Structures are given as C-alpha cells and as structure tokens.
N, C-alpha and C. Protein backbone atom coordinates (compact mmCIF):
# COMPACT_ATOMS: atom_id res chain seq x y z
N MET A 1 1.16 20.03 -13.29
CA MET A 1 1.28 18.59 -13.18
C MET A 1 1.61 18.02 -14.55
N GLY A 2 2.58 17.12 -14.59
CA GLY A 2 2.96 16.47 -15.84
C GLY A 2 1.99 15.36 -16.20
N VAL A 3 1.94 15.03 -17.46
CA VAL A 3 1.12 13.94 -17.93
C VAL A 3 1.93 12.65 -17.83
N ILE A 4 1.38 11.66 -17.19
CA ILE A 4 2.08 10.39 -17.03
C ILE A 4 1.93 9.56 -18.30
N SER A 5 3.00 8.93 -18.70
CA SER A 5 2.93 8.06 -19.88
C SER A 5 2.16 6.79 -19.53
N VAL A 6 1.59 6.17 -20.54
CA VAL A 6 0.88 4.92 -20.34
C VAL A 6 1.83 3.86 -19.78
N GLU A 7 3.05 3.83 -20.28
CA GLU A 7 4.04 2.85 -19.81
C GLU A 7 4.34 3.05 -18.33
N ASP A 8 4.57 4.30 -17.90
CA ASP A 8 4.85 4.55 -16.48
C ASP A 8 3.64 4.21 -15.62
N ARG A 9 2.44 4.57 -16.07
CA ARG A 9 1.23 4.26 -15.30
C ARG A 9 1.11 2.74 -15.13
N ASN A 10 1.27 2.01 -16.20
CA ASN A 10 1.18 0.55 -16.11
C ASN A 10 2.25 -0.03 -15.20
N ASP A 11 3.47 0.48 -15.30
CA ASP A 11 4.56 0.00 -14.45
C ASP A 11 4.28 0.28 -12.97
N ILE A 12 3.74 1.46 -12.68
CA ILE A 12 3.39 1.81 -11.29
C ILE A 12 2.28 0.91 -10.78
N TYR A 13 1.25 0.70 -11.59
CA TYR A 13 0.15 -0.18 -11.19
C TYR A 13 0.66 -1.60 -10.93
N ASP A 14 1.55 -2.08 -11.81
CA ASP A 14 2.13 -3.41 -11.61
C ASP A 14 2.94 -3.46 -10.31
N MET A 15 3.70 -2.42 -10.03
CA MET A 15 4.51 -2.37 -8.82
C MET A 15 3.60 -2.41 -7.58
N LEU A 16 2.51 -1.66 -7.59
CA LEU A 16 1.58 -1.68 -6.46
C LEU A 16 0.90 -3.05 -6.34
N GLY A 17 0.66 -3.69 -7.47
CA GLY A 17 0.14 -5.06 -7.44
C GLY A 17 1.13 -6.03 -6.81
N ARG A 18 2.40 -5.87 -7.13
CA ARG A 18 3.43 -6.71 -6.52
C ARG A 18 3.52 -6.47 -5.01
N TYR A 19 3.29 -5.23 -4.60
CA TYR A 19 3.30 -4.89 -3.17
C TYR A 19 2.25 -5.72 -2.43
N VAL A 20 0.99 -5.66 -2.87
CA VAL A 20 -0.06 -6.39 -2.15
C VAL A 20 0.12 -7.90 -2.30
N TRP A 21 0.61 -8.36 -3.45
CA TRP A 21 0.84 -9.79 -3.62
C TRP A 21 1.91 -10.27 -2.65
N ALA A 22 3.01 -9.54 -2.53
CA ALA A 22 4.07 -9.92 -1.61
C ALA A 22 3.55 -9.92 -0.17
N LEU A 23 2.78 -8.92 0.19
CA LEU A 23 2.24 -8.84 1.54
C LEU A 23 1.31 -10.02 1.84
N ASP A 24 0.41 -10.31 0.92
CA ASP A 24 -0.59 -11.34 1.16
C ASP A 24 -0.06 -12.76 1.04
N THR A 25 1.04 -12.94 0.32
CA THR A 25 1.59 -14.29 0.15
C THR A 25 2.77 -14.56 1.06
N GLY A 26 3.13 -13.61 1.92
CA GLY A 26 4.20 -13.82 2.88
C GLY A 26 5.59 -13.72 2.29
N ASP A 27 5.74 -12.96 1.21
CA ASP A 27 7.04 -12.78 0.56
C ASP A 27 7.72 -11.54 1.14
N ALA A 28 8.43 -11.72 2.26
CA ALA A 28 9.05 -10.58 2.94
C ALA A 28 10.10 -9.90 2.06
N ASP A 29 10.91 -10.69 1.33
CA ASP A 29 11.92 -10.10 0.45
C ASP A 29 11.25 -9.29 -0.66
N GLY A 30 10.23 -9.84 -1.26
CA GLY A 30 9.50 -9.12 -2.30
C GLY A 30 8.89 -7.84 -1.78
N PHE A 31 8.37 -7.88 -0.56
CA PHE A 31 7.78 -6.69 0.07
C PHE A 31 8.84 -5.61 0.24
N VAL A 32 9.96 -5.96 0.85
CA VAL A 32 11.02 -4.99 1.10
C VAL A 32 11.55 -4.41 -0.21
N ASN A 33 11.68 -5.24 -1.23
CA ASN A 33 12.24 -4.80 -2.51
C ASN A 33 11.33 -3.87 -3.30
N ILE A 34 10.09 -3.70 -2.89
CA ILE A 34 9.19 -2.76 -3.55
C ILE A 34 9.56 -1.32 -3.18
N PHE A 35 10.26 -1.14 -2.07
CA PHE A 35 10.59 0.19 -1.56
C PHE A 35 11.99 0.62 -1.98
N THR A 36 12.20 1.94 -2.02
CA THR A 36 13.54 2.47 -2.23
C THR A 36 14.38 2.11 -1.00
N ALA A 37 15.69 2.26 -1.11
CA ALA A 37 16.60 1.91 -0.01
C ALA A 37 16.27 2.67 1.27
N ASP A 38 15.79 3.91 1.14
CA ASP A 38 15.43 4.70 2.32
C ASP A 38 13.92 4.86 2.46
N GLY A 39 13.18 4.03 1.73
CA GLY A 39 11.72 4.14 1.72
C GLY A 39 11.08 3.51 2.93
N GLY A 40 9.79 3.76 3.06
CA GLY A 40 9.05 3.18 4.17
C GLY A 40 7.58 3.46 4.08
N PHE A 41 6.89 3.07 5.14
CA PHE A 41 5.46 3.34 5.18
C PHE A 41 5.02 3.76 6.57
N ILE A 42 3.90 4.45 6.56
CA ILE A 42 3.24 4.90 7.78
C ILE A 42 1.97 4.07 7.87
N ASP A 43 1.85 3.24 8.91
CA ASP A 43 0.69 2.37 9.00
C ASP A 43 -0.53 3.12 9.53
N THR A 44 -1.63 2.43 9.63
CA THR A 44 -2.89 3.07 10.04
C THR A 44 -2.87 3.55 11.48
N ARG A 45 -1.91 3.11 12.26
CA ARG A 45 -1.77 3.58 13.65
C ARG A 45 -0.80 4.75 13.77
N GLY A 46 -0.22 5.16 12.62
CA GLY A 46 0.72 6.28 12.63
C GLY A 46 2.16 5.88 12.86
N ASN A 47 2.45 4.58 12.92
CA ASN A 47 3.82 4.11 13.11
C ASN A 47 4.59 4.24 11.80
N HIS A 48 5.81 4.75 11.89
CA HIS A 48 6.68 4.90 10.72
C HIS A 48 7.64 3.72 10.66
N HIS A 49 7.70 3.07 9.51
CA HIS A 49 8.60 1.94 9.27
C HIS A 49 9.48 2.35 8.09
N LYS A 50 10.70 2.76 8.37
CA LYS A 50 11.57 3.31 7.33
C LYS A 50 12.87 2.52 7.23
N GLY A 51 13.23 2.17 6.00
CA GLY A 51 14.45 1.43 5.74
C GLY A 51 14.20 -0.07 5.72
N PRO A 52 15.10 -0.80 5.08
CA PRO A 52 14.89 -2.25 4.89
C PRO A 52 14.68 -3.04 6.17
N GLU A 53 15.44 -2.75 7.22
CA GLU A 53 15.30 -3.52 8.46
C GLU A 53 13.94 -3.27 9.11
N ALA A 54 13.51 -2.02 9.14
CA ALA A 54 12.21 -1.69 9.74
C ALA A 54 11.07 -2.26 8.91
N LEU A 55 11.21 -2.22 7.59
CA LEU A 55 10.18 -2.79 6.71
C LEU A 55 10.07 -4.29 6.92
N ARG A 56 11.22 -4.96 6.97
CA ARG A 56 11.22 -6.41 7.18
C ARG A 56 10.61 -6.75 8.54
N ALA A 57 10.97 -6.03 9.57
CA ALA A 57 10.42 -6.30 10.91
C ALA A 57 8.91 -6.10 10.91
N ALA A 58 8.44 -5.06 10.25
CA ALA A 58 6.99 -4.80 10.22
C ALA A 58 6.26 -5.91 9.49
N VAL A 59 6.74 -6.27 8.30
CA VAL A 59 6.03 -7.30 7.53
C VAL A 59 6.12 -8.65 8.24
N MET A 60 7.24 -8.97 8.86
CA MET A 60 7.34 -10.24 9.59
C MET A 60 6.40 -10.25 10.78
N GLY A 61 6.22 -9.10 11.43
CA GLY A 61 5.24 -9.01 12.51
C GLY A 61 3.84 -9.33 12.03
N TYR A 62 3.49 -8.80 10.84
CA TYR A 62 2.18 -9.10 10.26
C TYR A 62 2.08 -10.59 9.95
N LEU A 63 3.10 -11.12 9.27
CA LEU A 63 3.04 -12.49 8.80
C LEU A 63 3.03 -13.50 9.95
N ASN A 64 3.60 -13.14 11.09
CA ASN A 64 3.61 -14.03 12.25
C ASN A 64 2.36 -13.90 13.11
N ASP A 65 1.48 -12.99 12.76
CA ASP A 65 0.22 -12.80 13.49
C ASP A 65 -0.83 -13.73 12.91
N PRO A 66 -1.32 -14.70 13.67
CA PRO A 66 -2.32 -15.63 13.12
C PRO A 66 -3.56 -14.93 12.58
N ASP A 67 -3.91 -13.77 13.13
CA ASP A 67 -5.08 -13.04 12.65
C ASP A 67 -4.85 -12.43 11.27
N PHE A 68 -3.59 -12.29 10.87
CA PHE A 68 -3.28 -11.71 9.56
C PHE A 68 -3.50 -12.71 8.43
N ARG A 69 -3.29 -13.98 8.73
CA ARG A 69 -3.40 -15.02 7.69
C ARG A 69 -4.81 -15.02 7.11
N GLY A 70 -4.87 -15.19 5.80
CA GLY A 70 -6.16 -15.23 5.12
C GLY A 70 -6.63 -13.87 4.63
N ARG A 71 -5.85 -12.83 4.86
CA ARG A 71 -6.22 -11.51 4.37
C ARG A 71 -5.83 -11.35 2.91
N GLN A 72 -6.63 -10.57 2.21
CA GLN A 72 -6.33 -10.24 0.82
C GLN A 72 -6.58 -8.75 0.64
N HIS A 73 -5.55 -8.05 0.21
CA HIS A 73 -5.64 -6.60 0.01
C HIS A 73 -6.01 -6.28 -1.43
N GLN A 74 -6.99 -5.43 -1.58
CA GLN A 74 -7.42 -4.95 -2.90
C GLN A 74 -7.13 -3.45 -2.95
N VAL A 75 -6.51 -3.00 -4.03
CA VAL A 75 -6.20 -1.57 -4.22
C VAL A 75 -6.94 -1.12 -5.47
N THR A 76 -7.77 -0.08 -5.32
CA THR A 76 -8.61 0.36 -6.44
C THR A 76 -8.68 1.87 -6.52
N HIS A 77 -9.28 2.32 -7.60
CA HIS A 77 -9.53 3.75 -7.86
C HIS A 77 -8.27 4.58 -7.68
N LEU A 78 -7.21 4.13 -8.35
CA LEU A 78 -5.93 4.81 -8.26
C LEU A 78 -5.93 6.05 -9.14
N PHE A 79 -5.53 7.17 -8.59
CA PHE A 79 -5.27 8.33 -9.44
C PHE A 79 -3.87 8.84 -9.16
N VAL A 80 -3.27 9.37 -10.22
CA VAL A 80 -1.85 9.68 -10.22
C VAL A 80 -1.64 11.17 -10.45
N GLU A 81 -0.78 11.77 -9.64
CA GLU A 81 -0.42 13.18 -9.80
C GLU A 81 1.09 13.31 -9.66
N GLY A 82 1.67 14.27 -10.35
CA GLY A 82 3.10 14.50 -10.19
C GLY A 82 3.78 14.85 -11.47
N GLU A 83 5.05 14.55 -11.51
CA GLU A 83 5.91 14.85 -12.66
C GLU A 83 6.64 13.59 -13.07
N PRO A 84 7.09 13.51 -14.31
CA PRO A 84 7.83 12.31 -14.74
C PRO A 84 8.96 11.98 -13.77
N GLY A 85 9.00 10.72 -13.38
CA GLY A 85 10.02 10.25 -12.45
C GLY A 85 9.59 10.22 -11.00
N ARG A 86 8.51 10.97 -10.66
CA ARG A 86 8.03 11.02 -9.27
C ARG A 86 6.53 11.32 -9.29
N TYR A 87 5.75 10.32 -8.89
CA TYR A 87 4.30 10.48 -8.87
C TYR A 87 3.75 10.08 -7.52
N VAL A 88 2.65 10.70 -7.15
CA VAL A 88 1.92 10.32 -5.95
C VAL A 88 0.63 9.65 -6.41
N VAL A 89 0.42 8.44 -5.92
CA VAL A 89 -0.76 7.65 -6.28
C VAL A 89 -1.67 7.60 -5.06
N THR A 90 -2.89 8.06 -5.21
CA THR A 90 -3.88 8.02 -4.14
C THR A 90 -4.90 6.96 -4.51
N SER A 91 -5.25 6.11 -3.56
CA SER A 91 -6.17 5.02 -3.87
C SER A 91 -6.94 4.58 -2.63
N TYR A 92 -7.95 3.78 -2.88
CA TYR A 92 -8.68 3.09 -1.83
C TYR A 92 -8.05 1.72 -1.66
N TRP A 93 -8.12 1.19 -0.44
CA TRP A 93 -7.77 -0.21 -0.23
C TRP A 93 -8.87 -0.87 0.60
N THR A 94 -9.06 -2.12 0.32
CA THR A 94 -10.02 -2.94 1.05
C THR A 94 -9.32 -4.24 1.41
N VAL A 95 -9.51 -4.67 2.64
CA VAL A 95 -8.95 -5.95 3.07
C VAL A 95 -10.12 -6.89 3.31
N ILE A 96 -10.11 -7.98 2.55
CA ILE A 96 -11.09 -9.03 2.80
C ILE A 96 -10.37 -10.15 3.54
N LYS A 97 -11.12 -10.88 4.32
CA LYS A 97 -10.49 -11.92 5.15
C LYS A 97 -11.29 -13.19 5.06
N TRP A 98 -10.55 -14.28 4.91
CA TRP A 98 -11.15 -15.61 4.94
C TRP A 98 -10.66 -16.28 6.21
N ASN A 99 -11.60 -16.65 7.06
CA ASN A 99 -11.26 -17.40 8.26
C ASN A 99 -11.89 -18.78 8.10
N PHE A 100 -11.10 -19.70 7.56
CA PHE A 100 -11.60 -21.03 7.25
C PHE A 100 -12.09 -21.76 8.49
N GLU A 101 -11.33 -21.63 9.60
CA GLU A 101 -11.70 -22.36 10.82
C GLU A 101 -13.07 -21.94 11.34
N LYS A 102 -13.41 -20.66 11.21
CA LYS A 102 -14.70 -20.17 11.67
C LYS A 102 -15.76 -20.19 10.56
N GLY A 103 -15.32 -20.49 9.33
CA GLY A 103 -16.27 -20.49 8.22
C GLY A 103 -16.78 -19.11 7.87
N GLU A 104 -15.95 -18.09 8.12
CA GLU A 104 -16.35 -16.70 7.89
C GLU A 104 -15.48 -16.07 6.83
N LYS A 105 -16.08 -15.19 6.06
CA LYS A 105 -15.32 -14.36 5.13
C LYS A 105 -16.07 -13.06 4.98
N GLY A 106 -15.33 -12.01 4.68
CA GLY A 106 -15.97 -10.72 4.51
C GLY A 106 -14.97 -9.59 4.54
N VAL A 107 -15.48 -8.38 4.53
CA VAL A 107 -14.63 -7.20 4.55
C VAL A 107 -14.09 -7.04 5.96
N PHE A 108 -12.76 -6.97 6.05
CA PHE A 108 -12.08 -6.83 7.33
C PHE A 108 -11.87 -5.36 7.67
N SER A 109 -11.42 -4.58 6.68
CA SER A 109 -11.21 -3.14 6.90
C SER A 109 -11.13 -2.43 5.55
N THR A 110 -11.28 -1.12 5.61
CA THR A 110 -11.18 -0.28 4.42
C THR A 110 -10.34 0.94 4.75
N GLY A 111 -9.76 1.52 3.71
CA GLY A 111 -8.96 2.71 3.94
C GLY A 111 -8.52 3.34 2.64
N TRP A 112 -7.57 4.24 2.77
CA TRP A 112 -7.01 4.94 1.61
C TRP A 112 -5.51 4.98 1.79
N SER A 113 -4.82 5.15 0.69
CA SER A 113 -3.37 5.24 0.77
C SER A 113 -2.86 6.32 -0.18
N ARG A 114 -1.71 6.82 0.16
CA ARG A 114 -1.01 7.78 -0.68
C ARG A 114 0.42 7.28 -0.82
N ASP A 115 0.76 6.88 -2.05
CA ASP A 115 2.07 6.31 -2.34
C ASP A 115 2.90 7.28 -3.15
N THR A 116 4.05 7.64 -2.64
CA THR A 116 5.01 8.42 -3.42
C THR A 116 5.91 7.42 -4.13
N CYS A 117 5.80 7.41 -5.46
CA CYS A 117 6.51 6.45 -6.29
C CYS A 117 7.59 7.16 -7.08
N VAL A 118 8.78 6.59 -7.10
CA VAL A 118 9.90 7.19 -7.82
C VAL A 118 10.49 6.17 -8.79
N LYS A 119 10.95 6.69 -9.91
CA LYS A 119 11.58 5.82 -10.90
C LYS A 119 13.05 5.71 -10.59
N THR A 120 13.54 4.48 -10.43
CA THR A 120 14.93 4.22 -10.10
C THR A 120 15.56 3.42 -11.24
N GLY A 121 16.82 3.13 -11.11
CA GLY A 121 17.49 2.28 -12.09
C GLY A 121 16.93 0.86 -12.10
N ASP A 122 16.24 0.48 -11.03
CA ASP A 122 15.61 -0.84 -10.93
C ASP A 122 14.11 -0.78 -11.18
N GLY A 123 13.64 0.30 -11.78
CA GLY A 123 12.21 0.45 -12.03
C GLY A 123 11.53 1.30 -10.97
N TRP A 124 10.22 1.26 -10.96
CA TRP A 124 9.44 2.06 -10.01
C TRP A 124 9.48 1.44 -8.63
N LYS A 125 9.66 2.30 -7.62
CA LYS A 125 9.72 1.88 -6.22
C LYS A 125 8.87 2.84 -5.40
N ILE A 126 8.49 2.40 -4.22
CA ILE A 126 7.77 3.25 -3.28
C ILE A 126 8.78 3.95 -2.39
N ALA A 127 8.75 5.29 -2.39
CA ALA A 127 9.58 6.07 -1.46
C ALA A 127 8.85 6.22 -0.13
N GLU A 128 7.53 6.38 -0.19
CA GLU A 128 6.74 6.45 1.04
C GLU A 128 5.32 6.00 0.75
N ARG A 129 4.79 5.21 1.65
CA ARG A 129 3.39 4.77 1.58
C ARG A 129 2.74 5.19 2.88
N ALA A 130 1.71 6.00 2.78
CA ALA A 130 0.97 6.45 3.96
C ALA A 130 -0.43 5.85 3.91
N LEU A 131 -0.81 5.17 4.98
CA LEU A 131 -2.10 4.49 5.05
C LEU A 131 -3.02 5.19 6.02
N GLY A 132 -4.30 5.18 5.70
CA GLY A 132 -5.30 5.74 6.60
C GLY A 132 -6.56 4.90 6.57
N TRP A 133 -7.27 4.88 7.68
CA TRP A 133 -8.55 4.17 7.74
C TRP A 133 -9.59 4.95 6.94
N TRP A 134 -10.63 4.25 6.52
CA TRP A 134 -11.79 4.92 5.91
C TRP A 134 -13.00 4.48 6.71
N THR A 135 -13.39 5.33 7.64
CA THR A 135 -14.58 5.08 8.45
C THR A 135 -15.36 6.38 8.50
N ASP A 136 -16.44 6.38 9.25
CA ASP A 136 -17.22 7.61 9.37
C ASP A 136 -16.45 8.69 10.13
N LYS A 137 -15.41 8.32 10.87
CA LYS A 137 -14.63 9.29 11.63
C LYS A 137 -13.20 9.48 11.11
N HIS A 138 -12.72 8.55 10.30
CA HIS A 138 -11.34 8.60 9.82
C HIS A 138 -11.31 8.50 8.30
N CYS A 139 -11.36 9.63 7.66
CA CYS A 139 -11.23 9.68 6.20
C CYS A 139 -10.86 11.10 5.82
N PRO A 140 -10.37 11.29 4.62
CA PRO A 140 -9.99 12.65 4.19
C PRO A 140 -11.20 13.47 3.76
N TRP A 141 -12.26 13.42 4.53
CA TRP A 141 -13.51 14.11 4.24
C TRP A 141 -13.34 15.61 4.36
N VAL A 142 -13.73 16.31 3.33
CA VAL A 142 -13.64 17.76 3.34
C VAL A 142 -14.94 18.35 3.88
N GLY A 143 -16.06 17.76 3.52
CA GLY A 143 -17.36 18.21 4.00
C GLY A 143 -17.94 19.33 3.15
N PRO A 144 -19.15 19.71 3.47
CA PRO A 144 -19.82 20.78 2.71
C PRO A 144 -19.05 22.08 2.80
N THR A 145 -19.07 22.84 1.73
CA THR A 145 -18.37 24.13 1.73
C THR A 145 -19.28 25.30 2.03
N ALA A 146 -20.57 25.07 2.07
CA ALA A 146 -21.50 26.18 2.31
C ALA A 146 -21.78 26.35 3.79
C-alpha cells in the first residue's frame, strides 16, 4: 500500500465533504459532478446508480421525497488505503434528521461506506461509492476468531 500525501488526503476529505453538502442542500449538479463520468453508487438497498443520468435521477428522487428533507449526513472515521492516484476510503456515516413540523430531531440511520476515489484532471472524484447499513444484523462484522 502506498503512503497518501497530506495534500491528497485533504483533497479527498474535501471532496467527500462536498458530496454530503451537495446531497443535503439539494445541489443535484454538485452531486453528479463529484463522480467520474462513468462513476456511480450502490445504495443501502443494493441498487446500482451508474453514470450521470442515473446519478441525477437517484438524487432527484431523494430530493423530491418529503421524508428526505431535513436530513444531514455526517461522514467520520475515514481511513484510506491504496496507491497514489486511486484510493479506497472506508468510513462511517450517520444521518441525523430534523422534522420541524413534528418537533423531532435525532439519529435517522447509521452505516458505513467504501468510496473508490480517483485523481482526474479535474481533481479527486468518486468512481464508486458503496453504502451499507450499520445495525446488529447489517455490518461488516467479522466476529470472534476463536
């Protein structure tokens, strides 16, 4: 495994920050532009959204869902593996939700993600983002080895 430069790590972290910001603020163009031209993501239901049209349709579906409004995605505990120019970032994500009409706020869901990030002429982009739930039944749990 190659050692990632501080500059590349910071650029990747910023790019992932732009991803969640675009998603949470309804910036469909910004969301699509985070991905490579043939990039995509696998959502928590296992659906594959690949390419700009599929990405735009997926994000617009989220943004047009009244239950989606008020969500805020947090991405933490990122660790990076790979070689210069192509890294896989594994992290936790948490979605908090504010429902003003009901006067409720709290944790909506939790999970993990694996992002394959590639350096392009336009900076770092996501080639693939794979999402998974983190529950007592859905997590990358290895379990005891004995």
